[in-house]
Protein backbone atom coordinates (compact mmCIF):
# COMPACT_ATOMS: atom_id res chain seq x y z
CA MET A 1 46.53 -52.17 -42.31
CA ALA A 2 47.19 -50.83 -38.78
CA SER A 3 46.84 -47.37 -40.07
CA ARG A 4 43.35 -48.12 -41.38
CA LEU A 5 42.17 -49.64 -38.18
CA VAL A 6 43.28 -47.02 -35.70
CA PRO A 7 40.73 -44.25 -36.94
CA PHE A 8 38.00 -46.76 -36.93
CA ALA A 9 38.69 -47.90 -33.37
CA CYS A 10 38.79 -44.34 -32.22
CA ARG A 11 35.35 -43.75 -33.56
CA ILE A 12 33.53 -46.69 -32.05
CA ALA A 13 35.29 -46.71 -28.74
CA PRO A 14 33.15 -43.74 -27.22
CA ARG A 15 30.00 -45.39 -28.52
CA ALA A 16 30.80 -48.71 -26.92
CA SER A 17 31.74 -47.21 -23.59
CA ARG A 18 28.48 -45.19 -23.32
CA GLN A 19 26.71 -48.29 -22.06
CA PHE A 20 29.08 -48.56 -19.05
CA GLN A 21 28.62 -44.99 -18.16
CA ARG A 22 26.58 -44.15 -14.88
CA THR A 23 23.09 -42.78 -15.37
CA GLN A 24 22.97 -39.00 -14.93
CA TRP A 25 20.77 -37.92 -12.09
CA ARG A 26 19.36 -34.31 -11.34
CA ALA A 27 18.65 -33.52 -7.80
CA PHE A 28 15.50 -31.57 -6.86
CA SER A 29 15.48 -28.99 -4.19
CA VAL A 30 12.32 -27.73 -2.36
CA ALA A 31 12.34 -23.98 -2.30
CA ARG A 32 11.07 -21.80 0.63
CA PRO A 33 7.52 -20.58 0.42
CA SER A 34 7.13 -17.31 -1.60
CA TRP A 35 6.37 -14.48 0.59
CA ASN A 36 5.32 -11.02 -0.57
CA GLU A 37 6.25 -7.74 1.20
CA SER A 38 2.99 -7.83 3.18
CA GLY A 39 4.04 -10.99 4.93
CA SER A 40 1.37 -13.23 3.48
CA LEU A 41 1.70 -16.27 1.05
CA ASN A 42 1.00 -15.86 -2.66
CA VAL A 43 -1.62 -18.63 -2.19
CA HIS A 44 -5.11 -18.67 -0.68
CA ARG A 45 -5.89 -20.40 2.54
CA ASP A 46 -9.48 -20.36 3.44
CA THR A 47 -10.11 -18.48 6.81
CA PRO A 48 -13.57 -17.70 8.57
CA GLU A 49 -13.06 -14.12 7.17
CA ASN A 50 -12.02 -14.97 3.73
CA ASN A 51 -13.51 -17.97 1.87
CA LEU A 52 -15.61 -18.66 -1.18
CA LYS A 53 -18.67 -19.06 0.85
CA ILE A 54 -18.79 -15.41 1.73
CA PRO A 55 -20.59 -13.73 -1.09
CA PHE A 56 -19.63 -10.29 -2.38
CA LYS A 57 -21.43 -7.87 -4.60
CA PHE A 58 -20.65 -4.20 -5.46
CA THR A 59 -23.12 -1.68 -4.17
CA PRO A 60 -25.30 0.07 -6.74
CA GLN A 61 -23.31 3.20 -6.44
CA ASN A 62 -20.06 1.37 -6.94
CA GLU A 63 -21.54 -0.39 -9.95
CA GLU A 64 -22.23 2.91 -11.61
CA LEU A 65 -18.64 3.91 -10.81
CA ILE A 66 -17.40 0.61 -12.42
CA LYS A 67 -19.23 1.55 -15.69
CA GLU A 68 -17.44 4.81 -15.77
CA VAL A 69 -14.09 3.28 -15.08
CA VAL A 70 -14.58 0.52 -17.82
CA SER A 71 -15.70 2.99 -20.35
CA ARG A 72 -12.24 4.52 -20.39
CA TYR A 73 -10.88 1.41 -22.00
CA PRO A 74 -11.54 -0.03 -25.35
CA SER A 75 -14.02 -2.90 -25.21
CA GLN A 76 -11.48 -5.46 -26.03
CA TYR A 77 -9.17 -4.21 -23.32
CA LYS A 78 -11.47 -3.70 -20.49
CA LYS A 79 -9.47 -6.17 -18.35
CA ALA A 80 -7.00 -3.34 -17.96
CA ALA A 81 -9.44 -1.93 -15.43
CA VAL A 82 -8.54 -4.70 -13.07
CA MET A 83 -6.53 -2.61 -10.69
CA PRO A 84 -8.99 0.17 -10.13
CA LEU A 85 -11.76 -2.35 -9.52
CA LEU A 86 -9.69 -4.40 -7.07
CA ASP A 87 -9.09 -1.12 -5.17
CA LEU A 88 -12.85 -0.31 -5.28
CA GLY A 89 -13.66 -3.67 -4.01
CA GLN A 90 -11.20 -3.41 -1.21
CA ARG A 91 -12.55 -0.04 -0.11
CA GLN A 92 -16.12 -1.55 -0.02
CA HIS A 93 -15.26 -4.90 1.53
CA GLY A 94 -12.45 -3.84 3.78
CA PHE A 95 -9.73 -6.07 2.20
CA CYS A 96 -9.11 -7.73 -1.05
CA SER A 97 -10.86 -11.09 -0.31
CA ILE A 98 -11.17 -14.11 -2.67
CA SER A 99 -14.79 -13.28 -3.36
CA VAL A 100 -13.80 -9.62 -4.31
CA MET A 101 -11.19 -10.98 -6.72
CA ASN A 102 -13.66 -13.60 -8.29
CA GLU A 103 -16.33 -10.70 -8.69
CA VAL A 104 -13.84 -8.54 -10.42
CA ALA A 105 -12.91 -11.38 -12.76
CA ARG A 106 -16.72 -12.00 -13.55
CA ILE A 107 -17.30 -8.29 -14.35
CA LEU A 108 -14.14 -7.94 -16.47
CA GLU A 109 -14.58 -11.48 -18.21
CA MET A 110 -11.16 -12.60 -17.55
CA PRO A 111 -9.66 -15.88 -15.94
CA PRO A 112 -9.70 -15.39 -12.01
CA MET A 113 -6.19 -16.49 -12.09
CA ARG A 114 -5.17 -13.34 -13.87
CA VAL A 115 -6.87 -11.23 -11.18
CA TYR A 116 -5.13 -13.33 -8.42
CA GLU A 117 -1.72 -12.55 -10.11
CA VAL A 118 -2.35 -8.86 -9.91
CA ALA A 119 -3.70 -9.02 -6.38
CA THR A 120 -0.77 -11.00 -5.04
CA PHE A 121 1.96 -8.93 -6.81
CA TYR A 122 1.02 -5.40 -5.58
CA THR A 123 1.34 -5.01 -1.76
CA MET A 124 -1.36 -2.13 -1.83
CA TYR A 125 -3.94 -4.84 -1.98
CA ASN A 126 -4.54 -6.12 1.61
CA ARG A 127 -5.65 -9.88 1.21
CA ASP A 128 -6.15 -10.15 4.93
CA PRO A 129 -8.44 -7.98 7.12
CA VAL A 130 -6.87 -4.67 8.46
CA GLY A 131 -7.86 -2.36 11.16
CA LYS A 132 -9.92 0.71 10.88
CA PHE A 133 -6.84 2.81 10.41
CA HIS A 134 -3.92 1.17 8.42
CA VAL A 135 -0.71 2.76 9.75
CA GLN A 136 2.09 2.25 7.16
CA VAL A 137 5.49 3.46 8.16
CA CYS A 138 8.06 4.24 5.53
CA THR A 139 11.57 2.89 6.37
CA THR A 140 13.37 3.44 2.93
CA THR A 141 16.65 5.25 2.94
CA PRO A 142 15.53 8.82 3.19
CA CYS A 143 13.09 8.17 6.01
CA MET A 144 15.89 5.95 7.68
CA LEU A 145 18.32 8.71 7.60
CA CYS A 146 15.79 11.20 9.10
CA ASP A 147 15.22 8.63 12.04
CA SER A 148 12.23 6.59 10.84
CA ASP A 149 13.29 4.17 13.64
CA SER A 150 11.95 6.51 16.06
CA VAL A 151 8.59 6.53 14.30
CA MET A 152 8.46 2.76 14.28
CA LYS A 153 9.25 2.69 17.92
CA ALA A 154 6.52 5.25 18.61
CA CYS A 155 4.05 3.15 16.79
CA GLU A 156 5.17 -0.01 18.66
CA ASP A 157 4.91 1.81 22.08
CA GLU A 158 1.59 3.47 21.67
CA LEU A 159 -0.28 0.59 19.79
CA GLY A 160 1.39 -2.29 21.61
CA VAL A 161 1.84 -4.39 18.64
CA HIS A 162 4.78 -5.00 16.01
CA HIS A 163 4.74 -4.30 12.51
CA GLY A 164 2.35 -6.79 10.53
CA GLU A 165 0.02 -7.01 13.39
CA THR A 166 -3.28 -5.45 14.31
CA THR A 167 -4.45 -4.27 17.71
CA LYS A 168 -6.80 -6.30 19.78
CA ASP A 169 -9.73 -3.67 19.39
CA GLY A 170 -9.28 -3.96 15.65
CA LEU A 171 -8.68 -0.22 15.33
CA PHE A 172 -5.13 -0.08 14.04
CA THR A 173 -3.04 -2.30 11.77
CA PHE A 174 0.72 -1.46 11.83
CA SER A 175 2.83 -2.13 8.82
CA GLU A 176 6.33 -1.32 7.73
CA VAL A 177 6.40 -0.35 3.97
CA GLU A 178 8.89 0.76 1.33
CA CYS A 179 9.14 4.27 -0.31
CA LEU A 180 5.83 6.26 -0.31
CA GLY A 181 7.23 9.11 -2.33
CA ALA A 182 7.39 11.90 0.29
CA CYS A 183 11.07 11.88 0.66
CA ALA A 184 11.30 15.63 0.93
CA ASN A 185 9.19 15.39 4.13
CA ALA A 186 10.81 12.37 5.84
CA PRO A 187 10.16 10.66 8.01
CA MET A 188 6.59 10.09 7.25
CA VAL A 189 3.62 7.75 7.83
CA GLN A 190 0.58 6.93 5.63
CA ILE A 191 -2.59 6.33 7.64
CA ASN A 192 -5.39 5.19 5.22
CA ASP A 193 -5.29 7.59 2.37
CA ASP A 194 -3.51 10.42 4.31
CA TYR A 195 0.18 11.38 4.56
CA TYR A 196 1.54 12.66 7.93
CA GLU A 197 5.14 14.02 7.61
CA ASP A 198 8.10 15.52 9.29
CA LEU A 199 7.38 13.21 12.18
CA THR A 200 9.20 12.72 15.48
CA TYR A 201 8.64 10.17 18.14
CA GLU A 202 6.61 12.84 20.07
CA SER A 203 4.50 13.94 17.27
CA THR A 204 3.87 10.32 16.08
CA VAL A 205 2.62 9.30 19.62
CA SER A 206 0.42 12.48 19.66
CA LEU A 207 -1.00 11.66 16.27
CA LEU A 208 -1.91 8.06 17.15
CA LYS A 209 -3.41 9.23 20.59
CA GLY A 210 -5.53 11.93 18.81
CA ILE A 211 -6.84 9.28 16.25
CA ARG A 212 -7.74 6.87 18.94
CA HIS A 213 -9.44 9.50 21.21
CA ALA A 214 -11.34 10.75 18.31
CA ALA A 215 -12.53 7.28 17.34
CA GLN A 216 -13.65 6.76 21.01
CA ALA A 217 -15.35 10.11 21.11
CA THR A 218 -17.24 9.68 18.00
CA GLY A 219 -18.31 6.03 18.62
CA ALA A 220 -16.57 4.59 15.49
CA GLN A 221 -16.26 0.88 15.72
CA PRO A 222 -14.15 -1.25 13.31
CA GLY A 223 -16.20 -2.19 10.35
CA ALA A 224 -18.76 0.47 11.02
CA LYS A 225 -19.39 3.90 9.40
CA GLY A 226 -17.60 6.67 11.20
CA LEU A 227 -14.09 7.88 11.10
CA ALA A 228 -13.30 6.02 7.84
CA SER A 229 -14.99 4.59 4.79
CA GLY A 230 -15.80 0.75 4.79
CA SER A 231 -12.33 -0.16 3.68
CA GLY A 232 -10.46 1.69 6.23
CA LYS A 233 -9.37 4.08 3.52
CA GLY A 234 -9.57 7.89 3.51
CA ALA A 235 -10.28 8.42 7.26
CA LYS A 236 -11.56 11.82 8.25
CA VAL A 237 -12.73 12.85 11.51
CA GLY A 238 -16.34 13.95 11.60
CA GLU A 239 -17.92 11.65 8.88
CA GLY A 240 -20.64 10.24 11.12
CA GLY A 241 -20.90 8.24 14.42
CA PRO A 242 -23.35 8.27 17.22
CA GLY A 243 -23.21 11.42 19.50
CA GLU A 244 -20.72 13.10 17.13
CA ASP A 245 -20.62 16.89 16.75
CA ALA A 246 -20.05 18.50 13.39
CA ALA A 247 -16.37 18.25 12.73
CA ASN A 248 -14.79 21.62 12.18
CA ARG A 249 -11.48 22.22 10.48
CA GLN A 250 -9.67 24.98 12.37
CA GLY A 251 -6.18 25.84 11.15
CA ARG A 252 -4.03 22.76 10.87
CA ALA A 253 -6.29 20.47 12.87
CA TYR A 254 -9.68 18.59 12.74
CA GLU A 255 -11.84 18.93 15.65
CA ALA A 256 -14.69 16.55 16.70
CA SER A 257 -16.38 16.13 19.90
CA GLY A 258 -13.58 18.22 21.52
CA VAL A 259 -10.90 16.05 20.13
CA LYS A 260 -8.27 17.48 17.77
CA VAL A 261 -6.53 15.44 15.17
CA PRO A 262 -3.74 17.06 13.20
CA THR A 263 -4.38 17.78 9.42
CA PRO A 264 -2.52 15.45 7.09
CA GLY A 265 0.64 16.93 5.79
CA PRO A 266 3.83 18.15 7.60
CA LEU A 267 3.54 18.32 11.37
CA SER A 268 6.58 20.58 11.74
CA GLY A 269 4.88 23.82 10.76
CA ARG A 270 5.77 23.72 7.08
CA LYS A 271 2.92 24.15 4.57
CA SER A 272 4.40 21.78 1.93
CA CYS A 273 7.89 20.69 1.19
CA GLU A 274 9.70 24.28 1.35
CA PRO A 275 12.91 24.60 3.16
CA ALA A 276 12.50 24.23 6.83
CA GLY A 277 14.94 27.05 7.52
CA GLY A 278 13.25 29.28 5.07
CA LEU A 279 13.94 30.38 1.56
CA THR A 280 17.65 30.64 0.58
CA CYS A 281 17.10 31.72 -3.07
CA LEU A 282 14.47 33.73 -5.14
CA THR A 283 14.26 36.13 -2.04
CA GLY A 284 14.23 39.41 -4.11
CA GLU A 285 11.71 40.81 -6.44
CA PRO A 286 11.46 39.23 -9.93
CA TRP A 287 13.39 40.72 -12.72
CA GLY A 288 11.53 43.14 -15.00
CA ASN A 289 11.93 44.17 -18.43
CA GLU A 290 14.82 46.63 -17.45
CA THR A 291 17.15 43.57 -17.22
CA LEU A 292 16.54 42.50 -20.82
CA ARG A 293 18.91 43.59 -23.64
CA LYS A 294 17.67 46.46 -25.69
CA ASP A 295 19.84 45.75 -28.88
CA GLY A 296 17.22 43.51 -30.37
CA ALA A 297 19.38 40.37 -30.09
CA LEU A 298 16.78 38.58 -28.17
């Protein structure tokens, strides 16, 4: 009899003891706010410069460009044009505001949240206003090994701001960024759409002084037509401005109103990314037919 009761007791014992077990609780933790590389929250906060009450519409010229961009995609996949349209809106408005994102969502007939996701993921979209010249210093490994710290210090000393800040006159925004893809010409800096490479502390200071003096000489003001387009992208000395002489490109420099600004590219004398010490191979004449086999095996 006992042999029959033991298995039965073993089966019901765990069930009976469950009611006496403590209730299981799972603790909740509060995570830190999510920040992207540009230092801004991945959420929108209304500011005087960026809120839904500020209207935004593309210019007629940009509307024609939008038609061209959207036509490159199948009609059922036109939302794939969200990135070029955000970039176009940023160039026109100066930064990627909430109104720009909503207008892009309306044009592409996609939920605004999908546009917000793209704009908050890619750091190339500035969701806060930036200066006329956006100075982006690369500090990834190749540039760091070539002393990008001196470039950072030159920007801080000359501009008087730390990375992530804008000068009081609204002319420069200084940012520290990851690899910009010009590792063979490290260290380098991107200013709007232009790359300046092979930099030193002295050449960086000279470059920033030249841009500042050119902006003052041409009368360019933040947000006005002048040294750069409306977005602070693609700045060129000599695109307009009161009292500005015609800009002439002479050798490796732009000149406007007597102020010279280096041409984008290496500032060390190199033309591209060739060896700084000169060619070490392919220095002779190319081989001719006399070096080929004559026995017909090739």
